[in-house]
Amino acid sequence: MRKKRNQISLDFISDLKYTEFCILVFSFIKKMIHIDDDEFFKIEISLREVINNAIIHGNKYDPRKRVHVMLKWTKSRIWLSIRDENQEKVDFADINRRLASNDVLALHGRGIMIVKSYMDKVKFVPTGNGTEIIMEKRL
């Protein structure tokens, strides 16, 4: 028997005020599936970090570019997908090399290092029209 998944998709311009809106939506999901406070904190920090990265580094605050967020969940798992509209090629090998050094004092990459430690799975996916980060957390 297949588990039922719920899903919410959000699509907004590259403005940091929408990060807070996404957190409000996630807070609603927390209440529906009873995520404990420690797990909520880890997912919230990860969601904030990746959305802000999409706005700041991916779309470079360009109001013509959008951020696409999808939240899917069951009672035992949540998936988060965040995609920017950055047309530039992202060097994932370089990102992973910097993350492997575990330099918590580095100017860049610290947020993604935190995301990788808080979430069970983190995947970077280059798409034809941006970069997508897919995160998964077992509840």
N, C-alpha and C. Protein backbone atom coordinates (compact mmCIF):
# COMPACT_ATOMS: atom_id res chain seq x y z
N MET A 1 0.84 -1.19 0.00
CA MET A 1 0.00 0.00 0.00
C MET A 1 0.88 1.25 0.00
N ARG A 2 0.59 2.16 -0.87
CA ARG A 2 1.37 3.39 -0.99
C ARG A 2 0.93 4.41 0.06
N LYS A 3 1.91 5.06 0.69
CA LYS A 3 1.59 6.09 1.67
C LYS A 3 1.12 7.34 0.96
N LYS A 4 0.16 8.01 1.58
CA LYS A 4 -0.36 9.25 1.03
C LYS A 4 0.64 10.37 1.28
N ARG A 5 0.93 11.15 0.25
CA ARG A 5 1.80 12.32 0.37
C ARG A 5 0.99 13.57 0.14
N ASN A 6 1.27 14.55 0.95
CA ASN A 6 0.68 15.86 0.78
C ASN A 6 1.75 16.75 0.16
N GLN A 7 1.30 17.79 -0.52
CA GLN A 7 2.26 18.66 -1.22
C GLN A 7 1.74 20.09 -1.29
N ILE A 8 2.67 21.03 -1.09
CA ILE A 8 2.40 22.45 -1.29
C ILE A 8 3.52 23.02 -2.14
N SER A 9 3.17 23.78 -3.16
CA SER A 9 4.16 24.44 -4.01
C SER A 9 4.01 25.96 -3.87
N LEU A 10 5.15 26.63 -3.77
CA LEU A 10 5.19 28.08 -3.68
C LEU A 10 6.12 28.60 -4.76
N ASP A 11 5.79 29.75 -5.28
CA ASP A 11 6.55 30.34 -6.38
C ASP A 11 6.53 31.85 -6.16
N PHE A 12 7.72 32.46 -6.03
CA PHE A 12 7.75 33.89 -5.68
C PHE A 12 8.98 34.57 -6.27
N ILE A 13 8.94 35.92 -6.28
CA ILE A 13 10.06 36.70 -6.79
C ILE A 13 11.23 36.63 -5.81
N SER A 14 12.38 37.02 -6.28
CA SER A 14 13.61 36.94 -5.48
C SER A 14 13.69 38.07 -4.46
N ASP A 15 12.94 37.92 -3.40
CA ASP A 15 12.91 38.89 -2.31
C ASP A 15 12.93 38.12 -1.00
N LEU A 16 13.83 38.51 -0.10
CA LEU A 16 14.03 37.77 1.15
C LEU A 16 12.79 37.73 2.05
N LYS A 17 11.85 38.64 1.84
CA LYS A 17 10.64 38.62 2.69
C LYS A 17 9.84 37.33 2.49
N TYR A 18 10.01 36.68 1.35
CA TYR A 18 9.26 35.45 1.10
C TYR A 18 9.83 34.24 1.84
N THR A 19 11.05 34.36 2.33
CA THR A 19 11.60 33.29 3.15
C THR A 19 10.71 33.09 4.38
N GLU A 20 10.34 34.17 5.00
CA GLU A 20 9.50 34.09 6.21
C GLU A 20 8.13 33.50 5.89
N PHE A 21 7.60 33.83 4.72
CA PHE A 21 6.31 33.26 4.32
C PHE A 21 6.42 31.74 4.21
N CYS A 22 7.51 31.26 3.61
CA CYS A 22 7.72 29.81 3.49
C CYS A 22 7.81 29.15 4.86
N ILE A 23 8.44 29.82 5.82
CA ILE A 23 8.55 29.28 7.17
C ILE A 23 7.16 29.22 7.82
N LEU A 24 6.32 30.20 7.56
CA LEU A 24 4.95 30.15 8.08
C LEU A 24 4.19 28.95 7.51
N VAL A 25 4.36 28.69 6.24
CA VAL A 25 3.72 27.53 5.62
C VAL A 25 4.26 26.25 6.26
N PHE A 26 5.56 26.19 6.45
CA PHE A 26 6.16 25.01 7.07
C PHE A 26 5.65 24.84 8.51
N SER A 27 5.43 25.93 9.22
CA SER A 27 4.89 25.87 10.59
C SER A 27 3.49 25.25 10.59
N PHE A 28 2.72 25.54 9.57
CA PHE A 28 1.40 24.93 9.42
C PHE A 28 1.53 23.42 9.25
N ILE A 29 2.49 23.00 8.42
CA ILE A 29 2.72 21.56 8.21
C ILE A 29 3.15 20.91 9.52
N LYS A 30 4.01 21.59 10.28
CA LYS A 30 4.47 21.07 11.58
C LYS A 30 3.29 20.70 12.47
N LYS A 31 2.30 21.56 12.51
CA LYS A 31 1.13 21.31 13.36
C LYS A 31 0.31 20.14 12.84
N MET A 32 0.24 19.98 11.53
CA MET A 32 -0.56 18.90 10.96
C MET A 32 0.04 17.52 11.22
N ILE A 33 1.38 17.44 11.14
CA ILE A 33 2.00 16.11 11.28
C ILE A 33 2.80 15.96 12.56
N HIS A 34 2.70 16.95 13.43
CA HIS A 34 3.29 16.87 14.78
C HIS A 34 4.80 16.63 14.75
N ILE A 35 5.52 17.51 14.08
CA ILE A 35 6.98 17.46 14.08
C ILE A 35 7.46 18.01 15.41
N ASP A 36 8.37 17.29 16.08
CA ASP A 36 8.85 17.79 17.37
C ASP A 36 9.74 19.02 17.17
N ASP A 37 9.92 19.78 18.23
CA ASP A 37 10.60 21.07 18.14
C ASP A 37 12.04 20.97 17.66
N ASP A 38 12.77 19.95 18.08
CA ASP A 38 14.17 19.80 17.65
C ASP A 38 14.26 19.54 16.15
N GLU A 39 13.41 18.65 15.65
CA GLU A 39 13.41 18.36 14.21
C GLU A 39 12.92 19.56 13.42
N PHE A 40 11.91 20.26 13.93
CA PHE A 40 11.41 21.46 13.26
C PHE A 40 12.52 22.49 13.12
N PHE A 41 13.29 22.70 14.19
CA PHE A 41 14.39 23.67 14.16
C PHE A 41 15.38 23.32 13.05
N LYS A 42 15.78 22.05 12.95
CA LYS A 42 16.75 21.63 11.94
C LYS A 42 16.22 21.84 10.52
N ILE A 43 14.96 21.49 10.33
CA ILE A 43 14.38 21.65 8.99
C ILE A 43 14.19 23.13 8.67
N GLU A 44 13.75 23.91 9.66
CA GLU A 44 13.54 25.34 9.44
C GLU A 44 14.84 26.05 9.06
N ILE A 45 15.92 25.77 9.80
CA ILE A 45 17.21 26.39 9.49
C ILE A 45 17.65 26.01 8.08
N SER A 46 17.48 24.74 7.73
CA SER A 46 17.87 24.27 6.39
C SER A 46 17.04 24.95 5.31
N LEU A 47 15.74 25.04 5.53
CA LEU A 47 14.85 25.68 4.56
C LEU A 47 15.21 27.15 4.37
N ARG A 48 15.43 27.86 5.48
CA ARG A 48 15.83 29.27 5.40
C ARG A 48 17.13 29.42 4.60
N GLU A 49 18.10 28.61 4.92
CA GLU A 49 19.42 28.70 4.28
C GLU A 49 19.31 28.50 2.77
N VAL A 50 18.61 27.47 2.35
CA VAL A 50 18.56 27.16 0.92
C VAL A 50 17.71 28.19 0.16
N ILE A 51 16.61 28.64 0.75
CA ILE A 51 15.81 29.68 0.08
C ILE A 51 16.63 30.97 -0.04
N ASN A 52 17.29 31.37 1.04
CA ASN A 52 18.10 32.59 0.98
C ASN A 52 19.22 32.45 -0.04
N ASN A 53 19.86 31.27 -0.12
CA ASN A 53 20.90 31.05 -1.13
C ASN A 53 20.33 31.18 -2.54
N ALA A 54 19.13 30.66 -2.76
CA ALA A 54 18.51 30.76 -4.08
C ALA A 54 18.27 32.22 -4.46
N ILE A 55 17.83 33.02 -3.50
CA ILE A 55 17.54 34.43 -3.75
C ILE A 55 18.84 35.22 -3.94
N ILE A 56 19.79 35.04 -3.02
CA ILE A 56 21.01 35.85 -2.99
C ILE A 56 22.03 35.39 -4.03
N HIS A 57 22.42 34.12 -3.97
CA HIS A 57 23.51 33.62 -4.82
C HIS A 57 23.01 33.12 -6.18
N GLY A 58 21.84 32.48 -6.19
CA GLY A 58 21.32 31.96 -7.45
C GLY A 58 20.75 33.06 -8.32
N ASN A 59 19.70 33.69 -7.84
CA ASN A 59 19.01 34.71 -8.63
C ASN A 59 19.58 36.11 -8.47
N LYS A 60 20.51 36.28 -7.55
CA LYS A 60 21.18 37.57 -7.31
C LYS A 60 20.17 38.72 -7.13
N TYR A 61 19.14 38.44 -6.35
CA TYR A 61 18.08 39.42 -6.03
C TYR A 61 17.32 39.93 -7.25
N ASP A 62 17.47 39.31 -8.39
CA ASP A 62 16.81 39.78 -9.61
C ASP A 62 15.30 39.55 -9.49
N PRO A 63 14.50 40.62 -9.44
CA PRO A 63 13.06 40.45 -9.25
C PRO A 63 12.35 39.80 -10.45
N ARG A 64 13.05 39.69 -11.58
CA ARG A 64 12.46 39.00 -12.73
C ARG A 64 12.60 37.49 -12.61
N LYS A 65 13.50 37.06 -11.71
CA LYS A 65 13.71 35.62 -11.51
C LYS A 65 12.93 35.16 -10.29
N ARG A 66 12.46 33.93 -10.36
CA ARG A 66 11.60 33.40 -9.31
C ARG A 66 12.31 32.27 -8.55
N VAL A 67 11.80 32.03 -7.36
CA VAL A 67 12.24 30.90 -6.55
C VAL A 67 11.04 29.96 -6.46
N HIS A 68 11.30 28.67 -6.64
CA HIS A 68 10.25 27.65 -6.64
C HIS A 68 10.50 26.72 -5.46
N VAL A 69 9.53 26.62 -4.57
CA VAL A 69 9.65 25.80 -3.37
C VAL A 69 8.53 24.78 -3.38
N MET A 70 8.90 23.51 -3.12
CA MET A 70 7.89 22.48 -3.00
C MET A 70 8.13 21.71 -1.71
N LEU A 71 7.08 21.54 -0.93
CA LEU A 71 7.12 20.79 0.31
C LEU A 71 6.21 19.59 0.14
N LYS A 72 6.76 18.39 0.36
CA LYS A 72 5.96 17.16 0.32
C LYS A 72 6.16 16.45 1.64
N TRP A 73 5.15 15.77 2.13
CA TRP A 73 5.30 15.10 3.41
C TRP A 73 4.36 13.93 3.58
N THR A 74 4.80 13.02 4.42
CA THR A 74 3.98 11.95 4.98
C THR A 74 4.14 12.09 6.49
N LYS A 75 3.57 11.18 7.23
CA LYS A 75 3.73 11.24 8.69
C LYS A 75 5.16 10.92 9.12
N SER A 76 5.91 10.27 8.27
CA SER A 76 7.25 9.83 8.67
C SER A 76 8.40 10.50 7.92
N ARG A 77 8.09 11.37 6.96
CA ARG A 77 9.15 11.94 6.13
C ARG A 77 8.71 13.26 5.52
N ILE A 78 9.68 14.16 5.30
CA ILE A 78 9.38 15.41 4.58
C ILE A 78 10.47 15.63 3.53
N TRP A 79 10.04 16.11 2.37
CA TRP A 79 10.95 16.44 1.28
C TRP A 79 10.77 17.92 0.97
N LEU A 80 11.88 18.61 0.73
CA LEU A 80 11.85 20.02 0.40
C LEU A 80 12.66 20.22 -0.88
N SER A 81 12.09 20.90 -1.82
CA SER A 81 12.77 21.18 -3.08
C SER A 81 12.76 22.68 -3.30
N ILE A 82 13.94 23.25 -3.53
CA ILE A 82 14.06 24.69 -3.77
C ILE A 82 14.85 24.87 -5.06
N ARG A 83 14.28 25.62 -6.00
CA ARG A 83 14.96 25.84 -7.28
C ARG A 83 15.01 27.33 -7.59
N ASP A 84 16.19 27.78 -8.01
CA ASP A 84 16.34 29.16 -8.48
C ASP A 84 16.27 29.16 -10.00
N GLU A 85 16.43 30.32 -10.59
CA GLU A 85 16.43 30.44 -12.05
C GLU A 85 17.76 30.96 -12.57
N ASN A 86 18.83 30.57 -11.91
CA ASN A 86 20.18 30.95 -12.29
C ASN A 86 20.59 30.16 -13.53
N GLN A 87 20.89 30.85 -14.60
CA GLN A 87 21.28 30.19 -15.85
C GLN A 87 22.76 29.82 -15.89
N GLU A 88 23.54 30.32 -14.92
CA GLU A 88 24.98 30.02 -14.89
C GLU A 88 25.21 28.60 -14.39
N LYS A 89 26.26 27.99 -14.91
CA LYS A 89 26.61 26.64 -14.49
C LYS A 89 27.24 26.71 -13.09
N VAL A 90 26.73 25.89 -12.19
CA VAL A 90 27.24 25.83 -10.82
C VAL A 90 28.27 24.70 -10.74
N ASP A 91 29.42 24.99 -10.14
CA ASP A 91 30.48 24.00 -9.99
C ASP A 91 30.25 23.19 -8.71
N PHE A 92 29.46 22.12 -8.83
CA PHE A 92 29.13 21.29 -7.67
C PHE A 92 30.35 20.57 -7.11
N ALA A 93 31.30 20.23 -7.97
CA ALA A 93 32.52 19.57 -7.49
C ALA A 93 33.29 20.50 -6.56
N ASP A 94 33.36 21.78 -6.91
CA ASP A 94 34.04 22.76 -6.05
C ASP A 94 33.30 22.93 -4.72
N ILE A 95 31.98 22.99 -4.78
CA ILE A 95 31.19 23.11 -3.55
C ILE A 95 31.45 21.91 -2.64
N ASN A 96 31.41 20.72 -3.20
CA ASN A 96 31.64 19.51 -2.40
C ASN A 96 33.06 19.44 -1.86
N ARG A 97 34.04 19.94 -2.62
CA ARG A 97 35.43 19.98 -2.15
C ARG A 97 35.55 20.89 -0.93
N ARG A 98 34.93 22.07 -1.03
CA ARG A 98 34.97 23.00 0.10
C ARG A 98 34.24 22.46 1.31
N LEU A 99 33.13 21.78 1.08
CA LEU A 99 32.38 21.19 2.19
C LEU A 99 33.17 20.07 2.87
N ALA A 100 33.93 19.33 2.08
CA ALA A 100 34.71 18.22 2.63
C ALA A 100 35.78 18.72 3.59
N SER A 101 36.21 19.96 3.44
CA SER A 101 37.26 20.49 4.33
C SER A 101 36.72 20.80 5.73
N ASN A 102 35.38 20.85 5.87
CA ASN A 102 34.74 21.13 7.16
C ASN A 102 35.26 22.40 7.82
N ASP A 103 35.54 23.41 7.04
CA ASP A 103 36.06 24.68 7.57
C ASP A 103 34.89 25.54 8.03
N VAL A 104 34.55 25.47 9.31
CA VAL A 104 33.41 26.23 9.82
C VAL A 104 33.68 27.73 9.86
N LEU A 105 34.92 28.14 9.68
CA LEU A 105 35.25 29.56 9.67
C LEU A 105 35.32 30.14 8.26
N ALA A 106 35.11 29.29 7.25
CA ALA A 106 35.15 29.76 5.86
C ALA A 106 34.05 30.79 5.62
N LEU A 107 34.33 31.75 4.73
CA LEU A 107 33.35 32.79 4.43
C LEU A 107 32.15 32.25 3.67
N HIS A 108 32.32 31.21 2.87
CA HIS A 108 31.24 30.66 2.07
C HIS A 108 31.13 29.16 2.31
N GLY A 109 29.91 28.64 2.21
CA GLY A 109 29.70 27.20 2.31
C GLY A 109 29.29 26.71 3.68
N ARG A 110 29.43 27.57 4.68
CA ARG A 110 29.09 27.15 6.05
C ARG A 110 27.61 26.78 6.16
N GLY A 111 26.74 27.53 5.51
CA GLY A 111 25.31 27.26 5.56
C GLY A 111 24.96 25.91 4.97
N ILE A 112 25.55 25.60 3.82
CA ILE A 112 25.28 24.30 3.19
C ILE A 112 25.84 23.17 4.06
N MET A 113 26.96 23.41 4.73
CA MET A 113 27.52 22.40 5.64
C MET A 113 26.51 22.13 6.77
N ILE A 114 25.90 23.16 7.29
CA ILE A 114 24.89 22.99 8.34
C ILE A 114 23.69 22.22 7.79
N VAL A 115 23.23 22.59 6.60
CA VAL A 115 22.10 21.90 5.98
C VAL A 115 22.40 20.41 5.84
N LYS A 116 23.60 20.07 5.36
CA LYS A 116 23.96 18.67 5.19
C LYS A 116 24.01 17.92 6.52
N SER A 117 24.35 18.62 7.60
CA SER A 117 24.40 17.94 8.89
C SER A 117 23.00 17.79 9.51
N TYR A 118 22.08 18.69 9.19
CA TYR A 118 20.73 18.65 9.77
C TYR A 118 19.76 17.75 9.01
N MET A 119 19.95 17.62 7.70
CA MET A 119 19.03 16.84 6.88
C MET A 119 19.60 15.45 6.62
N ASP A 120 18.72 14.49 6.35
CA ASP A 120 19.17 13.12 6.09
C ASP A 120 19.76 12.98 4.69
N LYS A 121 19.19 13.69 3.72
CA LYS A 121 19.70 13.66 2.35
C LYS A 121 19.65 15.08 1.78
N VAL A 122 20.70 15.43 1.05
CA VAL A 122 20.75 16.71 0.35
C VAL A 122 21.33 16.43 -1.03
N LYS A 123 20.62 16.87 -2.06
CA LYS A 123 21.06 16.60 -3.43
C LYS A 123 21.00 17.90 -4.23
N PHE A 124 22.08 18.20 -4.95
CA PHE A 124 22.15 19.36 -5.83
C PHE A 124 21.86 18.88 -7.25
N VAL A 125 20.89 19.49 -7.90
CA VAL A 125 20.48 19.04 -9.22
C VAL A 125 20.53 20.23 -10.19
N PRO A 126 21.45 20.18 -11.17
CA PRO A 126 21.42 21.22 -12.20
C PRO A 126 20.24 20.94 -13.14
N THR A 127 19.46 21.97 -13.42
CA THR A 127 18.34 21.81 -14.35
C THR A 127 18.59 22.72 -15.53
N GLY A 128 17.78 22.63 -16.52
CA GLY A 128 17.94 23.49 -17.69
C GLY A 128 17.65 24.95 -17.39
N ASN A 129 16.93 25.19 -16.30
CA ASN A 129 16.56 26.58 -16.00
C ASN A 129 16.81 26.92 -14.53
N GLY A 130 17.94 26.49 -14.00
CA GLY A 130 18.29 26.83 -12.62
C GLY A 130 18.93 25.67 -11.89
N THR A 131 19.13 25.88 -10.61
CA THR A 131 19.70 24.85 -9.75
C THR A 131 18.66 24.47 -8.72
N GLU A 132 18.48 23.18 -8.52
CA GLU A 132 17.52 22.69 -7.56
C GLU A 132 18.26 21.97 -6.43
N ILE A 133 17.83 22.23 -5.22
CA ILE A 133 18.36 21.49 -4.07
C ILE A 133 17.17 20.73 -3.48
N ILE A 134 17.37 19.43 -3.34
CA ILE A 134 16.33 18.55 -2.81
C ILE A 134 16.83 18.03 -1.47
N MET A 135 16.02 18.22 -0.43
CA MET A 135 16.39 17.78 0.91
C MET A 135 15.33 16.82 1.43
N GLU A 136 15.77 15.87 2.24
CA GLU A 136 14.85 14.90 2.83
C GLU A 136 15.17 14.75 4.31
N LYS A 137 14.12 14.62 5.11
CA LYS A 137 14.28 14.41 6.55
C LYS A 137 13.30 13.36 7.03
N ARG A 138 13.81 12.32 7.68
CA ARG A 138 12.94 11.33 8.32
C ARG A 138 12.44 11.91 9.62
N LEU A 139 11.19 11.71 9.93
CA LEU A 139 10.59 12.27 11.14
C LEU A 139 10.41 11.20 12.21
